[in-house]
PDB file of N, CA and C in Angstrom:
ATOM      1  N   UNK A   1      -6.810   8.988 -28.150  1.00  0.00           N
ATOM      2  CA  UNK A   1      -6.565   7.646 -28.648  1.00  0.00           C
ATOM      3  C   UNK A   1      -5.977   6.763 -27.557  1.00  0.00           C
ATOM      4  N   UNK A   2      -5.008   7.281 -26.785  1.00  0.00           N
ATOM      5  CA  UNK A   2      -4.364   6.489 -25.756  1.00  0.00           C
ATOM      6  C   UNK A   2      -5.329   6.042 -24.667  1.00  0.00           C
ATOM      7  N   UNK A   3      -6.208   6.957 -24.246  1.00  0.00           N
ATOM      8  CA  UNK A   3      -7.176   6.622 -23.200  1.00  0.00           C
ATOM      9  C   UNK A   3      -8.117   5.541 -23.684  1.00  0.00           C
ATOM     10  N   UNK A   4      -8.611   5.689 -24.902  1.00  0.00           N
ATOM     11  CA  UNK A   4      -9.549   4.711 -25.470  1.00  0.00           C
ATOM     12  C   UNK A   4      -8.877   3.356 -25.608  1.00  0.00           C
ATOM     13  N   UNK A   5      -7.623   3.330 -26.022  1.00  0.00           N
ATOM     14  CA  UNK A   5      -6.889   2.078 -26.176  1.00  0.00           C
ATOM     15  C   UNK A   5      -6.675   1.426 -24.817  1.00  0.00           C
ATOM     16  N   UNK A   6      -6.370   2.209 -23.800  1.00  0.00           N
ATOM     17  CA  UNK A   6      -6.208   1.661 -22.458  1.00  0.00           C
ATOM     18  C   UNK A   6      -7.508   1.056 -21.949  1.00  0.00           C
ATOM     19  N   UNK A   7      -8.615   1.727 -22.191  1.00  0.00           N
ATOM     20  CA  UNK A   7      -9.921   1.191 -21.781  1.00  0.00           C
ATOM     21  C   UNK A   7     -10.197  -0.145 -22.473  1.00  0.00           C
ATOM     22  N   UNK A   8      -9.912  -0.214 -23.771  1.00  0.00           N
ATOM     23  CA  UNK A   8     -10.113  -1.467 -24.509  1.00  0.00           C
ATOM     24  C   UNK A   8      -9.204  -2.567 -23.975  1.00  0.00           C
ATOM     25  N   UNK A   9      -7.945  -2.203 -23.674  1.00  0.00           N
ATOM     26  CA  UNK A   9      -7.000  -3.178 -23.148  1.00  0.00           C
ATOM     27  C   UNK A   9      -7.482  -3.713 -21.797  1.00  0.00           C
ATOM     28  N   UNK A  10      -7.893  -2.817 -20.912  1.00  0.00           N
ATOM     29  CA  UNK A  10      -8.377  -3.244 -19.590  1.00  0.00           C
ATOM     30  C   UNK A  10      -9.598  -4.147 -19.722  1.00  0.00           C
ATOM     31  N   UNK A  11     -10.475  -3.817 -20.640  1.00  0.00           N
ATOM     32  CA  UNK A  11     -11.662  -4.640 -20.890  1.00  0.00           C
ATOM     33  C   UNK A  11     -11.273  -6.019 -21.420  1.00  0.00           C
ATOM     34  N   UNK A  12     -10.307  -6.066 -22.330  1.00  0.00           N
ATOM     35  CA  UNK A  12      -9.852  -7.339 -22.895  1.00  0.00           C
ATOM     36  C   UNK A  12      -9.186  -8.206 -21.834  1.00  0.00           C
ATOM     37  N   UNK A  13      -8.365  -7.612 -20.984  1.00  0.00           N
ATOM     38  CA  UNK A  13      -7.705  -8.369 -19.912  1.00  0.00           C
ATOM     39  C   UNK A  13      -8.751  -8.919 -18.944  1.00  0.00           C
ATOM     40  N   UNK A  14      -9.748  -8.123 -18.619  1.00  0.00           N
ATOM     41  CA  UNK A  14     -10.827  -8.581 -17.741  1.00  0.00           C
ATOM     42  C   UNK A  14     -11.569  -9.746 -18.379  1.00  0.00           C
ATOM     43  N   UNK A  15     -11.837  -9.656 -19.678  1.00  0.00           N
ATOM     44  CA  UNK A  15     -12.532 -10.733 -20.388  1.00  0.00           C
ATOM     45  C   UNK A  15     -11.706 -12.020 -20.376  1.00  0.00           C
ATOM     46  N   UNK A  16     -10.390 -11.906 -20.577  1.00  0.00           N
ATOM     47  CA  UNK A  16      -9.517 -13.089 -20.552  1.00  0.00           C
ATOM     48  C   UNK A  16      -9.537 -13.714 -19.161  1.00  0.00           C
ATOM     49  N   UNK A  17      -9.450 -12.893 -18.135  1.00  0.00           N
ATOM     50  CA  UNK A  17      -9.489 -13.419 -16.762  1.00  0.00           C
ATOM     51  C   UNK A  17     -10.802 -14.140 -16.483  1.00  0.00           C
ATOM     52  N   UNK A  18     -11.903 -13.545 -16.920  1.00  0.00           N
ATOM     53  CA  UNK A  18     -13.217 -14.141 -16.668  1.00  0.00           C
ATOM     54  C   UNK A  18     -13.353 -15.510 -17.315  1.00  0.00           C
ATOM     55  N   UNK A  19     -12.899 -15.645 -18.555  1.00  0.00           N
ATOM     56  CA  UNK A  19     -13.073 -16.948 -19.227  1.00  0.00           C
ATOM     57  C   UNK A  19     -12.227 -18.027 -18.558  1.00  0.00           C
ATOM     58  N   UNK A  20     -11.153 -17.642 -17.889  1.00  0.00           N
ATOM     59  CA  UNK A  20     -10.347 -18.631 -17.177  1.00  0.00           C
ATOM     60  C   UNK A  20     -10.915 -18.942 -15.802  1.00  0.00           C
ATOM     61  N   UNK A  21     -11.367 -17.925 -15.094  1.00  0.00           N
ATOM     62  CA  UNK A  21     -11.925 -18.133 -13.759  1.00  0.00           C
ATOM     63  C   UNK A  21     -13.228 -18.925 -13.837  1.00  0.00           C
ATOM     64  N   UNK A  22     -14.073 -18.601 -14.799  1.00  0.00           N
ATOM     65  CA  UNK A  22     -15.377 -19.253 -14.913  1.00  0.00           C
ATOM     66  C   UNK A  22     -15.389 -20.364 -15.949  1.00  0.00           C
ATOM     67  N   UNK A  23     -14.202 -20.767 -16.403  1.00  0.00           N
ATOM     68  CA  UNK A  23     -14.070 -21.864 -17.368  1.00  0.00           C
ATOM     69  C   UNK A  23     -15.011 -21.653 -18.563  1.00  0.00           C
ATOM     70  N   UNK A  24     -14.813 -20.529 -19.249  1.00  0.00           N
ATOM     71  CA  UNK A  24     -15.662 -20.168 -20.384  1.00  0.00           C
ATOM     72  C   UNK A  24     -15.528 -21.130 -21.557  1.00  0.00           C
ATOM     73  N   UNK A  25     -16.448 -21.015 -22.473  1.00  0.00           N
ATOM     74  CA  UNK A  25     -16.458 -21.867 -23.665  1.00  0.00           C
ATOM     75  C   UNK A  25     -15.312 -21.479 -24.602  1.00  0.00           C
ATOM     76  N   UNK A  26     -15.053 -22.326 -25.560  1.00  0.00           N
ATOM     77  CA  UNK A  26     -14.017 -22.040 -26.563  1.00  0.00           C
ATOM     78  C   UNK A  26     -14.342 -20.741 -27.292  1.00  0.00           C
ATOM     79  N   UNK A  27     -15.600 -20.534 -27.657  1.00  0.00           N
ATOM     80  CA  UNK A  27     -16.000 -19.315 -28.367  1.00  0.00           C
ATOM     81  C   UNK A  27     -15.730 -18.072 -27.521  1.00  0.00           C
ATOM     82  N   UNK A  28     -16.008 -18.157 -26.202  1.00  0.00           N
ATOM     83  CA  UNK A  28     -15.755 -17.025 -25.313  1.00  0.00           C
ATOM     84  C   UNK A  28     -14.250 -16.758 -25.175  1.00  0.00           C
ATOM     85  N   UNK A  29     -13.456 -17.823 -25.114  1.00  0.00           N
ATOM     86  CA  UNK A  29     -12.005 -17.666 -25.024  1.00  0.00           C
ATOM     87  C   UNK A  29     -11.454 -17.042 -26.303  1.00  0.00           C
ATOM     88  N   UNK A  30     -11.932 -17.506 -27.449  1.00  0.00           N
ATOM     89  CA  UNK A  30     -11.489 -16.941 -28.731  1.00  0.00           C
ATOM     90  C   UNK A  30     -11.837 -15.462 -28.800  1.00  0.00           C
ATOM     91  N   UNK A  31     -13.039 -15.104 -28.371  1.00  0.00           N
ATOM     92  CA  UNK A  31     -13.467 -13.704 -28.398  1.00  0.00           C
ATOM     93  C   UNK A  31     -12.597 -12.851 -27.477  1.00  0.00           C
ATOM     94  N   UNK A  32     -12.346 -13.337 -26.260  1.00  0.00           N
ATOM     95  CA  UNK A  32     -11.555 -12.581 -25.293  1.00  0.00           C
ATOM     96  C   UNK A  32     -10.126 -12.374 -25.791  1.00  0.00           C
ATOM     97  N   UNK A  33      -9.504 -13.455 -26.280  1.00  0.00           N
ATOM     98  CA  UNK A  33      -8.128 -13.319 -26.765  1.00  0.00           C
ATOM     99  C   UNK A  33      -8.055 -12.506 -28.052  1.00  0.00           C
ATOM    100  N   UNK A  34      -9.088 -12.558 -28.869  1.00  0.00           N
ATOM    101  CA  UNK A  34      -9.109 -11.745 -30.094  1.00  0.00           C
ATOM    102  C   UNK A  34      -9.123 -10.260 -29.753  1.00  0.00           C
ATOM    103  N   UNK A  35      -9.875  -9.894 -28.721  1.00  0.00           N
ATOM    104  CA  UNK A  35      -9.899  -8.497 -28.271  1.00  0.00           C
ATOM    105  C   UNK A  35      -8.504  -8.066 -27.814  1.00  0.00           C
ATOM    106  N   UNK A  36      -7.839  -8.949 -27.062  1.00  0.00           N
ATOM    107  CA  UNK A  36      -6.502  -8.632 -26.560  1.00  0.00           C
ATOM    108  C   UNK A  36      -5.498  -8.498 -27.704  1.00  0.00           C
ATOM    109  N   UNK A  37      -5.555  -9.411 -28.657  1.00  0.00           N
ATOM    110  CA  UNK A  37      -4.647  -9.356 -29.811  1.00  0.00           C
ATOM    111  C   UNK A  37      -4.873  -8.076 -30.608  1.00  0.00           C
ATOM    112  N   UNK A  38      -6.131  -7.664 -30.778  1.00  0.00           N
ATOM    113  CA  UNK A  38      -6.424  -6.438 -31.527  1.00  0.00           C
ATOM    114  C   UNK A  38      -5.849  -5.219 -30.819  1.00  0.00           C
ATOM    115  N   UNK A  39      -5.919  -5.192 -29.485  1.00  0.00           N
ATOM    116  CA  UNK A  39      -5.322  -4.077 -28.726  1.00  0.00           C
ATOM    117  C   UNK A  39      -3.816  -4.037 -28.922  1.00  0.00           C
ATOM    118  N   UNK A  40      -3.171  -5.191 -28.876  1.00  0.00           N
ATOM    119  CA  UNK A  40      -1.723  -5.255 -29.066  1.00  0.00           C
ATOM    120  C   UNK A  40      -1.355  -4.771 -30.470  1.00  0.00           C
ATOM    121  N   UNK A  41      -2.097  -5.198 -31.481  1.00  0.00           N
ATOM    122  CA  UNK A  41      -1.836  -4.761 -32.860  1.00  0.00           C
ATOM    123  C   UNK A  41      -2.017  -3.250 -33.005  1.00  0.00           C
ATOM    124  N   UNK A  42      -3.078  -2.713 -32.427  1.00  0.00           N
ATOM    125  CA  UNK A  42      -3.322  -1.269 -32.493  1.00  0.00           C
ATOM    126  C   UNK A  42      -2.217  -0.494 -31.782  1.00  0.00           C
ATOM    127  N   UNK A  43      -1.806  -0.964 -30.598  1.00  0.00           N
ATOM    128  CA  UNK A  43      -0.737  -0.314 -29.857  1.00  0.00           C
ATOM    129  C   UNK A  43       0.558  -0.322 -30.662  1.00  0.00           C
ATOM    130  N   UNK A  44       0.879  -1.462 -31.247  1.00  0.00           N
ATOM    131  CA  UNK A  44       2.112  -1.576 -32.049  1.00  0.00           C
ATOM    132  C   UNK A  44       2.094  -0.619 -33.232  1.00  0.00           C
ATOM    133  N   UNK A  45       0.951  -0.496 -33.889  1.00  0.00           N
ATOM    134  CA  UNK A  45       0.817   0.413 -35.027  1.00  0.00           C
ATOM    135  C   UNK A  45       1.014   1.864 -34.593  1.00  0.00           C
ATOM    136  N   UNK A  46       0.433   2.229 -33.462  1.00  0.00           N
ATOM    137  CA  UNK A  46       0.556   3.603 -32.955  1.00  0.00           C
ATOM    138  C   UNK A  46       2.000   3.908 -32.569  1.00  0.00           C
ATOM    139  N   UNK A  47       2.640   2.982 -31.859  1.00  0.00           N
ATOM    140  CA  UNK A  47       4.030   3.193 -31.439  1.00  0.00           C
ATOM    141  C   UNK A  47       4.945   3.324 -32.650  1.00  0.00           C
ATOM    142  N   UNK A  48       4.701   2.523 -33.668  1.00  0.00           N
ATOM    143  CA  UNK A  48       5.522   2.599 -34.883  1.00  0.00           C
ATOM    144  C   UNK A  48       5.395   3.979 -35.526  1.00  0.00           C
ATOM    145  N   UNK A  49       4.175   4.489 -35.617  1.00  0.00           N
ATOM    146  CA  UNK A  49       3.960   5.811 -36.216  1.00  0.00           C
ATOM    147  C   UNK A  49       4.658   6.908 -35.410  1.00  0.00           C
ATOM    148  N   UNK A  50       4.518   6.864 -34.083  1.00  0.00           N
ATOM    149  CA  UNK A  50       5.185   7.858 -33.244  1.00  0.00           C
ATOM    150  C   UNK A  50       6.694   7.759 -33.402  1.00  0.00           C
ATOM    151  N   UNK A  51       7.226   6.537 -33.400  1.00  0.00           N
ATOM    152  CA  UNK A  51       8.664   6.342 -33.572  1.00  0.00           C
ATOM    153  C   UNK A  51       9.159   6.876 -34.893  1.00  0.00           C
ATOM    154  N   UNK A  52       8.424   6.593 -35.965  1.00  0.00           N
ATOM    155  CA  UNK A  52       8.804   7.105 -37.294  1.00  0.00           C
ATOM    156  C   UNK A  52       8.833   8.629 -37.305  1.00  0.00           C
ATOM    157  N   UNK A  53       7.836   9.232 -36.688  1.00  0.00           N
ATOM    158  CA  UNK A  53       7.759  10.697 -36.640  1.00  0.00           C
ATOM    159  C   UNK A  53       8.925  11.280 -35.842  1.00  0.00           C
ATOM    160  N   UNK A  54       9.186  10.710 -34.664  1.00  0.00           N
ATOM    161  CA  UNK A  54      10.281  11.208 -33.821  1.00  0.00           C
ATOM    162  C   UNK A  54      11.611  11.083 -34.552  1.00  0.00           C
ATOM    163  N   UNK A  55      11.851   9.937 -35.180  1.00  0.00           N
ATOM    164  CA  UNK A  55      13.113   9.716 -35.892  1.00  0.00           C
ATOM    165  C   UNK A  55      13.231  10.633 -37.104  1.00  0.00           C
ATOM    166  N   UNK A  56      12.147  10.810 -37.834  1.00  0.00           N
ATOM    167  CA  UNK A  56      12.176  11.677 -39.018  1.00  0.00           C
ATOM    168  C   UNK A  56      12.469  13.133 -38.651  1.00  0.00           C
ATOM    169  N   UNK A  57      12.079  13.535 -37.438  1.00  0.00           N
ATOM    170  CA  UNK A  57      12.242  14.926 -37.033  1.00  0.00           C
ATOM    171  C   UNK A  57      13.513  15.186 -36.222  1.00  0.00           C
ATOM    172  N   UNK A  58      14.392  14.206 -36.126  1.00  0.00           N
ATOM    173  CA  UNK A  58      15.644  14.404 -35.377  1.00  0.00           C
ATOM    174  C   UNK A  58      16.408  15.637 -35.857  1.00  0.00           C
ATOM    175  N   UNK A  59      16.587  15.849 -37.162  1.00  0.00           N
ATOM    176  CA  UNK A  59      17.399  16.995 -37.586  1.00  0.00           C
ATOM    177  C   UNK A  59      16.708  18.357 -37.438  1.00  0.00           C
ATOM    178  N   UNK A  60      15.416  18.379 -37.154  1.00  0.00           N
ATOM    179  CA  UNK A  60      14.691  19.652 -37.055  1.00  0.00           C
ATOM    180  C   UNK A  60      15.016  20.382 -35.758  1.00  0.00           C
ATOM    181  N   UNK A  61      14.957  21.712 -35.791  1.00  0.00           N
ATOM    182  CA  UNK A  61      15.112  22.456 -34.539  1.00  0.00           C
ATOM    183  C   UNK A  61      13.910  22.186 -33.626  1.00  0.00           C
ATOM    184  N   UNK A  62      14.108  22.382 -32.345  1.00  0.00           N
ATOM    185  CA  UNK A  62      13.095  22.052 -31.344  1.00  0.00           C
ATOM    186  C   UNK A  62      11.731  22.678 -31.635  1.00  0.00           C
ATOM    187  N   UNK A  63      11.711  23.923 -32.072  1.00  0.00           N
ATOM    188  CA  UNK A  63      10.434  24.610 -32.305  1.00  0.00           C
ATOM    189  C   UNK A  63       9.666  24.066 -33.507  1.00  0.00           C
ATOM    190  N   UNK A  64      10.309  23.268 -34.352  1.00  0.00           N
ATOM    191  CA  UNK A  64       9.647  22.695 -35.534  1.00  0.00           C
ATOM    192  C   UNK A  64       9.169  21.261 -35.304  1.00  0.00           C
ATOM    193  N   UNK A  65       9.568  20.645 -34.186  1.00  0.00           N
ATOM    194  CA  UNK A  65       9.217  19.251 -33.916  1.00  0.00           C
ATOM    195  C   UNK A  65       7.753  19.139 -33.515  1.00  0.00           C
ATOM    196  N   UNK A  66       7.105  18.105 -33.998  1.00  0.00           N
ATOM    197  CA  UNK A  66       5.713  17.838 -33.651  1.00  0.00           C
ATOM    198  C   UNK A  66       5.603  17.395 -32.201  1.00  0.00           C
ATOM    199  N   UNK A  67       6.490  16.510 -31.786  1.00  0.00           N
ATOM    200  CA  UNK A  67       6.511  16.003 -30.417  1.00  0.00           C
ATOM    201  C   UNK A  67       7.773  16.544 -29.756  1.00  0.00           C
ATOM    202  N   UNK A  68       7.584  17.424 -28.802  1.00  0.00           N
ATOM    203  CA  UNK A  68       8.724  18.034 -28.122  1.00  0.00           C
ATOM    204  C   UNK A  68       9.309  17.042 -27.106  1.00  0.00           C
ATOM    205  N   UNK A  69      10.634  17.010 -26.976  1.00  0.00           N
ATOM    206  CA  UNK A  69      11.229  16.130 -25.966  1.00  0.00           C
ATOM    207  C   UNK A  69      10.924  16.627 -24.561  1.00  0.00           C
ATOM    208  N   UNK A  70      10.840  15.701 -23.626  1.00  0.00           N
ATOM    209  CA  UNK A  70      10.616  16.071 -22.230  1.00  0.00           C
ATOM    210  C   UNK A  70      11.917  16.595 -21.645  1.00  0.00           C
ATOM    211  N   UNK A  71      11.830  17.554 -20.740  1.00  0.00           N
ATOM    212  CA  UNK A  71      13.055  18.055 -20.115  1.00  0.00           C
ATOM    213  C   UNK A  71      13.667  16.972 -19.230  1.00  0.00           C
ATOM    214  N   UNK A  72      14.957  16.998 -19.097  1.00  0.00           N
ATOM    215  CA  UNK A  72      15.685  16.030 -18.284  1.00  0.00           C
ATOM    216  C   UNK A  72      16.170  16.750 -17.034  1.00  0.00           C
ATOM    217  N   UNK A  73      15.666  16.375 -15.890  1.00  0.00           N
ATOM    218  CA  UNK A  73      15.935  17.091 -14.642  1.00  0.00           C
ATOM    219  C   UNK A  73      17.097  16.478 -13.868  1.00  0.00           C
ATOM    220  N   UNK A  74      18.216  17.142 -13.869  1.00  0.00           N
ATOM    221  CA  UNK A  74      19.344  16.811 -13.018  1.00  0.00           C
ATOM    222  C   UNK A  74      19.778  15.358 -12.992  1.00  0.00           C
ATOM    223  N   UNK A  75      19.635  14.659 -14.083  1.00  0.00           N
ATOM    224  CA  UNK A  75      20.088  13.282 -14.148  1.00  0.00           C
ATOM    225  C   UNK A  75      19.091  12.272 -13.603  1.00  0.00           C
ATOM    226  N   UNK A  76      17.974  12.745 -13.054  1.00  0.00           N
ATOM    227  CA  UNK A  76      16.978  11.813 -12.523  1.00  0.00           C
ATOM    228  C   UNK A  76      16.238  11.146 -13.671  1.00  0.00           C
ATOM    229  N   UNK A  77      15.985   9.869 -13.513  1.00  0.00           N
ATOM    230  CA  UNK A  77      15.236   9.164 -14.548  1.00  0.00           C
ATOM    231  C   UNK A  77      13.781   9.598 -14.509  1.00  0.00           C
ATOM    232  N   UNK A  78      13.178   9.641 -15.672  1.00  0.00           N
ATOM    233  CA  UNK A  78      11.758   9.988 -15.736  1.00  0.00           C
ATOM    234  C   UNK A  78      10.948   8.807 -15.245  1.00  0.00           C
ATOM    235  N   UNK A  79       9.983   9.079 -14.395  1.00  0.00           N
ATOM    236  CA  UNK A  79       9.142   8.013 -13.858  1.00  0.00           C
ATOM    237  C   UNK A  79       7.702   8.306 -14.249  1.00  0.00           C
ATOM    238  N   UNK A  80       6.905   7.284 -14.300  1.00  0.00           N
ATOM    239  CA  UNK A  80       5.497   7.468 -14.618  1.00  0.00           C
ATOM    240  C   UNK A  80       5.176   6.961 -15.996  1.00  0.00           C
ATOM    241  N   UNK A  81       4.388   7.724 -16.722  1.00  0.00           N
ATOM    242  CA  UNK A  81       3.825   7.291 -17.990  1.00  0.00           C
ATOM    243  C   UNK A  81       4.708   7.609 -19.193  1.00  0.00           C
ATOM    244  N   UNK A  82       5.876   8.146 -19.000  1.00  0.00           N
ATOM    245  CA  UNK A  82       6.639   8.660 -20.119  1.00  0.00           C
ATOM    246  C   UNK A  82       7.718   7.693 -20.574  1.00  0.00           C
ATOM    247  N   UNK A  83       7.910   7.619 -21.857  1.00  0.00           N
ATOM    248  CA  UNK A  83       8.985   6.809 -22.438  1.00  0.00           C
ATOM    249  C   UNK A  83      10.130   7.744 -22.807  1.00  0.00           C
ATOM    250  N   UNK A  84      11.316   7.257 -22.666  1.00  0.00           N
ATOM    251  CA  UNK A  84      12.485   8.061 -23.022  1.00  0.00           C
ATOM    252  C   UNK A  84      13.171   7.374 -24.193  1.00  0.00           C
ATOM    253  N   UNK A  85      13.462   8.127 -25.223  1.00  0.00           N
ATOM    254  CA  UNK A  85      14.116   7.600 -26.406  1.00  0.00           C
ATOM    255  C   UNK A  85      15.569   8.050 -26.411  1.00  0.00           C
ATOM    256  N   UNK A  86      16.439   7.124 -26.744  1.00  0.00           N
ATOM    257  CA  UNK A  86      17.844   7.466 -26.948  1.00  0.00           C
ATOM    258  C   UNK A  86      18.193   7.035 -28.361  1.00  0.00           C
ATOM    259  N   UNK A  87      18.959   7.858 -29.040  1.00  0.00           N
ATOM    260  CA  UNK A  87      19.315   7.561 -30.416  1.00  0.00           C
ATOM    261  C   UNK A  87      20.820   7.429 -30.542  1.00  0.00           C
ATOM    262  N   UNK A  88      21.221   6.501 -31.355  1.00  0.00           N
ATOM    263  CA  UNK A  88      22.626   6.361 -31.696  1.00  0.00           C
ATOM    264  C   UNK A  88      22.754   6.774 -33.159  1.00  0.00           C
ATOM    265  N   UNK A  89      23.404   7.879 -33.373  1.00  0.00           N
ATOM    266  CA  UNK A  89      23.538   8.404 -34.732  1.00  0.00           C
ATOM    267  C   UNK A  89      24.924   8.095 -35.284  1.00  0.00           C
ATOM    268  N   UNK A  90      24.929   7.553 -36.477  1.00  0.00           N
ATOM    269  CA  UNK A  90      26.212   7.284 -37.145  1.00  0.00           C
ATOM    270  C   UNK A  90      26.676   8.559 -37.831  1.00  0.00           C
ATOM    271  N   UNK A  91      27.934   8.908 -37.634  1.00  0.00           N
ATOM    272  CA  UNK A  91      28.449  10.119 -38.267  1.00  0.00           C
ATOM    273  C   UNK A  91      29.734   9.794 -38.968  1.00  0.00           C
TER     274      UNK A  91
END
C-alpha cells in the first residue's frame, strides 16, 4: 500500500508541476490538484488507522503487538523512513 501511495503521490506532484510550467487549462489544474488531494486523504486515513492500532495495543506484551516497535540504538535518533512515536500516559 505504501509503495503504491508513493507512486500516486509522485505522479500527482508531477501533474501539478506540469500544469504550472505549461500553463495548463483550468480543467487540467483541477484534475492535477484533485489527484494530490486524494493522495493526502488516503495517507491521512492510513496514518489514522496505524495510530489507532498502535495506541490500542500499548498495554499488550511485545509478542502480541501487530506492529513491533523499532529498537532504539544507544540514544541515536532513527533516520530514514521510520517514524518514532512517543506516548504520554496518564496514571
